[in-house]
Amino acid sequence: PSMPWYLSPLIYSLRRPQHSSAGHLLLASSPSSSGSMSTHRTTSSSAAKQHHDETVRSTYETYVKYHHEKSSKTDEVGKKLGYAHGRDFSMFRRVDKTGVIYATTRAREHGFTAEDPQWANMGQGAPETGDLDGAPERSFNLTIEPDDVEYAPNTGIPELREKVANYYNHLYRQGKDSQYTADNVCIVPGGRAGLTRIMAILDHTQVGFFSPDYTAYEQALGLFMRITPSVYLHRDVNEALMSPEEFEFQTVGRGIGAV
């Protein structure tokens, strides 16, 4: 169960018989008066095995290069291939690269750059960063005062938090009694940092998350012993949204404490 999905075909290919059906026929048959058929079968079997071994080795090397995972499964595959991978620093655990990082890392090795119009980043998205027709002029000049270099408040600058709260009130809370304020907002440097800060303040509880979704969710949830991850399953894999009734059914039925 702990084996990544992209390693399972590799494990399977190493466990299956290392000979083709032609090899079975050759072992079961009596010597042929004409050696051409036996030679052909032996050559075909050898070529198939060589191709299989090369594919397995290439898959394993690519996996280790980009994911650097250390586990009993990778050890099993590595030993069969004659590798002896060890850790330089045993106090560090191996962390899989998520889909976006894995894809862009490999793409850069093949020449990908954000400036090259021949490439389109379909993993992270490729937003238009140039000037837009009819848009107001943008300023790229910024004056930084000496006091601005000091440490900011831990939850973010109050003026910025207030602006974020007003933005969400405008989008989602118009006409509602409850309104967001700066006290409801915390500024973080990125998604993973925000997730880990939230997970750090939760006590023993089940935390629900959707799959497929942002790949960092599962990694962040696995960092804290007090958190029990619980994935929300879509009955219809082609439907991106879950109905309120289905959401309530799964949340209440599992005893989810946070989502």
Protein backbone atom coordinates (compact mmCIF):
# COMPACT_ATOMS: atom_id res chain seq x y z
CA PRO A 1 0.00 0.00 0.00
CA SER A 2 2.91 2.37 0.65
CA MET A 3 4.39 1.76 -2.80
CA PRO A 4 3.96 4.73 -5.18
CA TRP A 5 1.74 3.97 -8.16
CA TYR A 6 4.51 4.82 -10.63
CA LEU A 7 6.77 2.12 -9.15
CA SER A 8 4.26 -0.73 -9.21
CA PRO A 9 4.69 -1.56 -12.95
CA LEU A 10 8.43 -1.82 -12.32
CA ILE A 11 7.95 -4.24 -9.42
CA TYR A 12 5.56 -6.30 -11.53
CA SER A 13 7.90 -6.47 -14.49
CA LEU A 14 10.72 -7.77 -12.28
CA ARG A 15 8.57 -10.42 -10.66
CA ARG A 16 7.09 -11.89 -13.80
CA PRO A 17 8.88 -14.75 -15.61
CA GLN A 18 12.03 -13.60 -17.38
CA HIS A 19 11.37 -15.60 -20.56
CA SER A 20 8.93 -15.40 -23.39
CA SER A 21 6.43 -17.95 -24.61
CA ALA A 22 8.94 -18.86 -27.32
CA GLY A 23 11.38 -19.82 -24.56
CA HIS A 24 8.78 -22.17 -23.06
CA LEU A 25 8.29 -23.86 -26.43
CA LEU A 26 12.01 -24.29 -26.90
CA LEU A 27 12.45 -25.94 -23.49
CA ALA A 28 9.49 -28.27 -24.02
CA SER A 29 10.32 -29.34 -27.56
CA SER A 30 12.74 -31.98 -28.73
CA PRO A 31 15.83 -31.00 -30.73
CA SER A 32 14.80 -29.93 -34.20
CA SER A 33 16.32 -31.51 -37.28
CA SER A 34 16.49 -28.02 -38.68
CA GLY A 35 18.36 -25.76 -36.32
CA SER A 36 16.97 -22.59 -37.89
CA MET A 37 13.70 -22.61 -35.93
CA SER A 38 15.45 -23.24 -32.59
CA THR A 39 17.96 -20.51 -33.35
CA HIS A 40 15.18 -18.11 -34.27
CA ARG A 41 13.29 -18.84 -31.06
CA THR A 42 16.41 -18.45 -28.95
CA THR A 43 17.31 -15.17 -30.65
CA SER A 44 13.78 -13.83 -30.25
CA SER A 45 13.69 -14.81 -26.59
CA SER A 46 17.08 -13.23 -25.92
CA ALA A 47 16.15 -10.04 -27.72
CA ALA A 48 12.88 -9.80 -25.79
CA LYS A 49 14.65 -10.35 -22.47
CA GLN A 50 17.32 -7.77 -23.33
CA HIS A 51 14.65 -5.22 -24.28
CA HIS A 52 12.74 -5.97 -21.07
CA ASP A 53 15.87 -5.59 -18.91
CA GLU A 54 16.81 -2.31 -20.58
CA THR A 55 13.29 -0.96 -20.03
CA VAL A 56 13.30 -1.94 -16.36
CA ARG A 57 16.74 -0.42 -15.80
CA SER A 58 15.79 2.82 -17.55
CA THR A 59 12.57 3.08 -15.52
CA TYR A 60 14.39 2.45 -12.25
CA GLU A 61 17.16 4.96 -12.98
CA THR A 62 14.61 7.63 -13.92
CA TYR A 63 12.61 6.97 -10.77
CA VAL A 64 15.62 7.15 -8.43
CA LYS A 65 16.98 10.24 -10.18
CA TYR A 66 13.83 12.32 -9.81
CA HIS A 67 12.19 10.91 -6.67
CA HIS A 68 15.14 9.75 -4.55
CA GLU A 69 12.88 7.55 -2.47
CA LYS A 70 14.43 5.02 -0.11
CA SER A 71 12.20 2.08 0.73
CA SER A 72 12.17 -1.71 0.83
CA LYS A 73 10.58 -1.73 -2.63
CA THR A 74 13.30 0.38 -4.22
CA ASP A 75 15.92 -1.76 -2.43
CA GLU A 76 14.32 -4.88 -3.87
CA VAL A 77 14.39 -3.50 -7.40
CA GLY A 78 17.89 -2.07 -6.99
CA LYS A 79 19.35 -5.37 -5.80
CA LYS A 80 17.85 -7.22 -8.76
CA LEU A 81 19.48 -4.69 -11.08
CA GLY A 82 22.81 -4.77 -9.26
CA TYR A 83 22.56 -1.34 -7.63
CA ALA A 84 23.53 -0.59 -4.06
CA HIS A 85 21.96 2.76 -3.30
CA GLY A 86 22.57 4.21 0.15
CA ARG A 87 21.93 7.49 1.85
CA ASP A 88 24.71 9.99 2.36
CA PHE A 89 22.87 11.41 5.38
CA SER A 90 20.63 8.88 7.06
CA MET A 91 18.89 11.52 9.20
CA PHE A 92 17.10 12.84 6.12
CA ARG A 93 14.10 11.02 4.74
CA ARG A 94 13.37 10.76 1.05
CA VAL A 95 10.54 12.90 -0.25
CA ASP A 96 8.84 12.17 -3.56
CA LYS A 97 8.69 14.95 -6.08
CA THR A 98 5.08 15.77 -6.86
CA GLY A 99 3.74 15.70 -10.40
CA VAL A 100 4.36 19.35 -11.26
CA ILE A 101 7.93 19.43 -9.92
CA TYR A 102 8.74 16.08 -11.51
CA ALA A 103 7.39 17.13 -14.91
CA THR A 104 9.06 20.55 -14.99
CA THR A 105 12.40 19.14 -13.79
CA ARG A 106 12.45 16.65 -16.64
CA ALA A 107 11.25 19.27 -19.12
CA ARG A 108 14.12 21.62 -18.22
CA GLU A 109 16.58 18.85 -18.99
CA HIS A 110 15.11 18.81 -22.49
CA GLY A 111 15.41 22.56 -22.97
CA PHE A 112 12.25 23.97 -21.40
CA THR A 113 12.34 27.63 -20.39
CA ALA A 114 9.45 29.97 -19.65
CA GLU A 115 10.77 32.38 -22.29
CA ASP A 116 10.76 29.84 -25.13
CA PRO A 117 7.49 30.14 -27.13
CA GLN A 118 7.97 26.59 -28.41
CA TRP A 119 7.11 25.26 -24.94
CA ALA A 120 3.83 25.41 -23.00
CA ASN A 121 3.78 24.54 -19.30
CA MET A 122 0.70 22.35 -19.01
CA GLY A 123 1.68 21.15 -15.53
CA GLN A 124 1.72 24.41 -13.60
CA GLY A 125 -0.13 26.45 -16.17
CA ALA A 126 1.25 29.16 -18.43
CA PRO A 127 -0.34 32.49 -17.48
CA GLU A 128 -0.04 35.50 -19.77
CA THR A 129 2.59 37.71 -18.12
CA GLY A 130 2.91 40.38 -20.79
CA ASP A 131 0.81 43.48 -21.37
CA LEU A 132 -2.90 42.92 -21.93
CA ASP A 133 -4.89 44.95 -24.45
CA GLY A 134 -6.94 47.63 -22.70
CA ALA A 135 -5.37 46.97 -19.29
CA PRO A 136 -4.11 49.86 -17.13
CA GLU A 137 -0.41 50.62 -17.23
CA ARG A 138 1.62 48.63 -14.73
CA SER A 139 4.45 50.07 -12.65
CA PHE A 140 7.57 47.94 -12.16
CA ASN A 141 9.32 50.43 -9.90
CA LEU A 142 9.32 49.95 -6.13
CA THR A 143 10.79 52.19 -3.45
CA ILE A 144 11.81 50.33 -0.29
CA GLU A 145 12.24 52.36 2.88
CA PRO A 146 14.76 51.27 5.55
CA ASP A 147 11.94 50.40 7.97
CA ASP A 148 10.45 48.08 5.34
CA VAL A 149 13.45 45.77 5.69
CA GLU A 150 12.58 45.00 9.31
CA TYR A 151 10.82 41.75 10.24
CA ALA A 152 7.14 41.88 9.37
CA PRO A 153 4.40 40.72 11.78
CA ASN A 154 4.20 36.94 11.96
CA THR A 155 0.71 36.86 10.42
CA GLY A 156 1.43 39.51 7.78
CA ILE A 157 1.16 43.28 7.48
CA PRO A 158 -2.25 44.40 8.89
CA GLU A 159 -3.02 46.63 5.91
CA LEU A 160 -2.47 43.73 3.49
CA ARG A 161 -4.56 41.35 5.59
CA GLU A 162 -7.39 43.88 5.63
CA LYS A 163 -7.24 44.22 1.85
CA VAL A 164 -7.40 40.43 1.45
CA ALA A 165 -10.40 40.27 3.79
CA ASN A 166 -12.20 42.97 1.81
CA TYR A 167 -11.46 41.13 -1.43
CA TYR A 168 -13.08 37.91 -0.17
CA ASN A 169 -16.03 39.83 1.27
CA HIS A 170 -16.58 41.40 -2.14
CA LEU A 171 -16.45 38.02 -3.89
CA TYR A 172 -18.27 35.76 -1.44
CA ARG A 173 -19.88 37.67 1.46
CA GLN A 174 -21.95 40.41 -0.14
CA GLY A 175 -25.26 40.82 1.68
CA LYS A 176 -24.28 38.41 4.48
CA ASP A 177 -24.22 39.27 8.16
CA SER A 178 -20.79 37.79 8.80
CA GLN A 179 -17.85 39.52 7.17
CA TYR A 180 -14.13 38.70 7.12
CA THR A 181 -11.68 41.01 8.87
CA ALA A 182 -7.91 41.12 9.10
CA ASP A 183 -8.18 38.73 12.08
CA ASN A 184 -9.35 36.00 9.69
CA VAL A 185 -6.34 36.36 7.38
CA CYS A 186 -2.76 35.10 7.66
CA ILE A 187 -0.20 35.88 4.95
CA VAL A 188 2.10 32.96 4.07
CA PRO A 189 4.88 32.58 1.48
CA GLY A 190 3.25 29.65 -0.31
CA GLY A 191 0.73 26.82 -0.23
CA ARG A 192 2.90 24.29 1.60
CA ALA A 193 3.89 26.82 4.27
CA GLY A 194 0.26 27.71 4.84
CA LEU A 195 -0.83 24.07 5.06
CA THR A 196 1.86 23.11 7.55
CA ARG A 197 1.05 26.11 9.76
CA ILE A 198 -2.60 25.08 9.86
CA MET A 199 -1.76 21.43 10.52
CA ALA A 200 0.57 22.46 13.37
CA ILE A 201 -2.29 23.98 15.39
CA LEU A 202 -4.72 21.09 14.95
CA ASP A 203 -5.11 18.55 17.72
CA HIS A 204 -5.92 14.85 17.28
CA THR A 205 -8.48 14.78 14.48
CA GLN A 206 -9.30 13.42 11.05
CA VAL A 207 -8.59 15.83 8.22
CA GLY A 208 -10.41 15.29 4.95
CA PHE A 209 -8.99 16.13 1.55
CA PHE A 210 -10.06 15.55 -2.01
CA SER A 211 -8.25 13.42 -4.55
CA PRO A 212 -7.25 14.29 -7.18
CA ASP A 213 -6.32 17.75 -5.96
CA TYR A 214 -3.27 19.75 -4.96
CA THR A 215 -0.54 17.14 -4.50
CA ALA A 216 0.95 18.85 -1.43
CA TYR A 217 -2.16 18.08 0.64
CA GLU A 218 -1.27 14.44 1.18
CA GLN A 219 2.39 15.21 1.90
CA ALA A 220 1.55 17.94 4.41
CA LEU A 221 -1.01 15.77 6.19
CA GLY A 222 1.56 13.01 6.62
CA LEU A 223 3.97 15.25 8.59
CA PHE A 224 1.99 15.37 11.83
CA MET A 225 1.33 12.38 14.07
CA ARG A 226 -1.84 13.95 15.49
CA ILE A 227 -3.45 14.14 12.04
CA THR A 228 -5.29 11.24 10.43
CA PRO A 229 -5.74 11.93 6.69
CA SER A 230 -9.05 10.87 5.17
CA VAL A 231 -9.57 11.17 1.44
CA TYR A 232 -12.93 12.21 -0.03
CA LEU A 233 -13.89 9.90 -2.87
CA HIS A 234 -15.85 11.01 -5.89
CA ARG A 235 -18.50 8.48 -6.84
CA ASP A 236 -18.33 9.90 -10.35
CA VAL A 237 -14.68 10.43 -11.34
CA ASN A 238 -15.78 12.65 -14.22
CA GLU A 239 -17.56 15.09 -11.91
CA ALA A 240 -15.26 17.75 -10.47
CA LEU A 241 -17.71 19.00 -7.83
CA MET A 242 -19.20 17.03 -4.95
CA SER A 243 -22.82 17.68 -4.05
CA PRO A 244 -23.55 19.14 -0.59
CA GLU A 245 -25.51 15.97 0.30
CA GLU A 246 -22.59 13.69 -0.60
CA PHE A 247 -20.13 15.96 1.21
CA GLU A 248 -22.26 15.88 4.38
CA PHE A 249 -22.67 12.11 4.14
CA GLN A 250 -18.92 11.46 3.93
CA THR A 251 -17.99 14.11 6.52
CA VAL A 252 -20.45 13.01 9.18
CA GLY A 253 -19.99 9.31 8.48
CA ARG A 254 -16.22 9.47 8.98
CA GLY A 255 -16.21 11.92 11.85
CA ILE A 256 -14.11 14.45 9.94
CA GLY A 257 -12.92 17.31 12.14
CA ALA A 258 -11.43 19.56 9.45
CA VAL A 259 -11.31 19.70 5.67
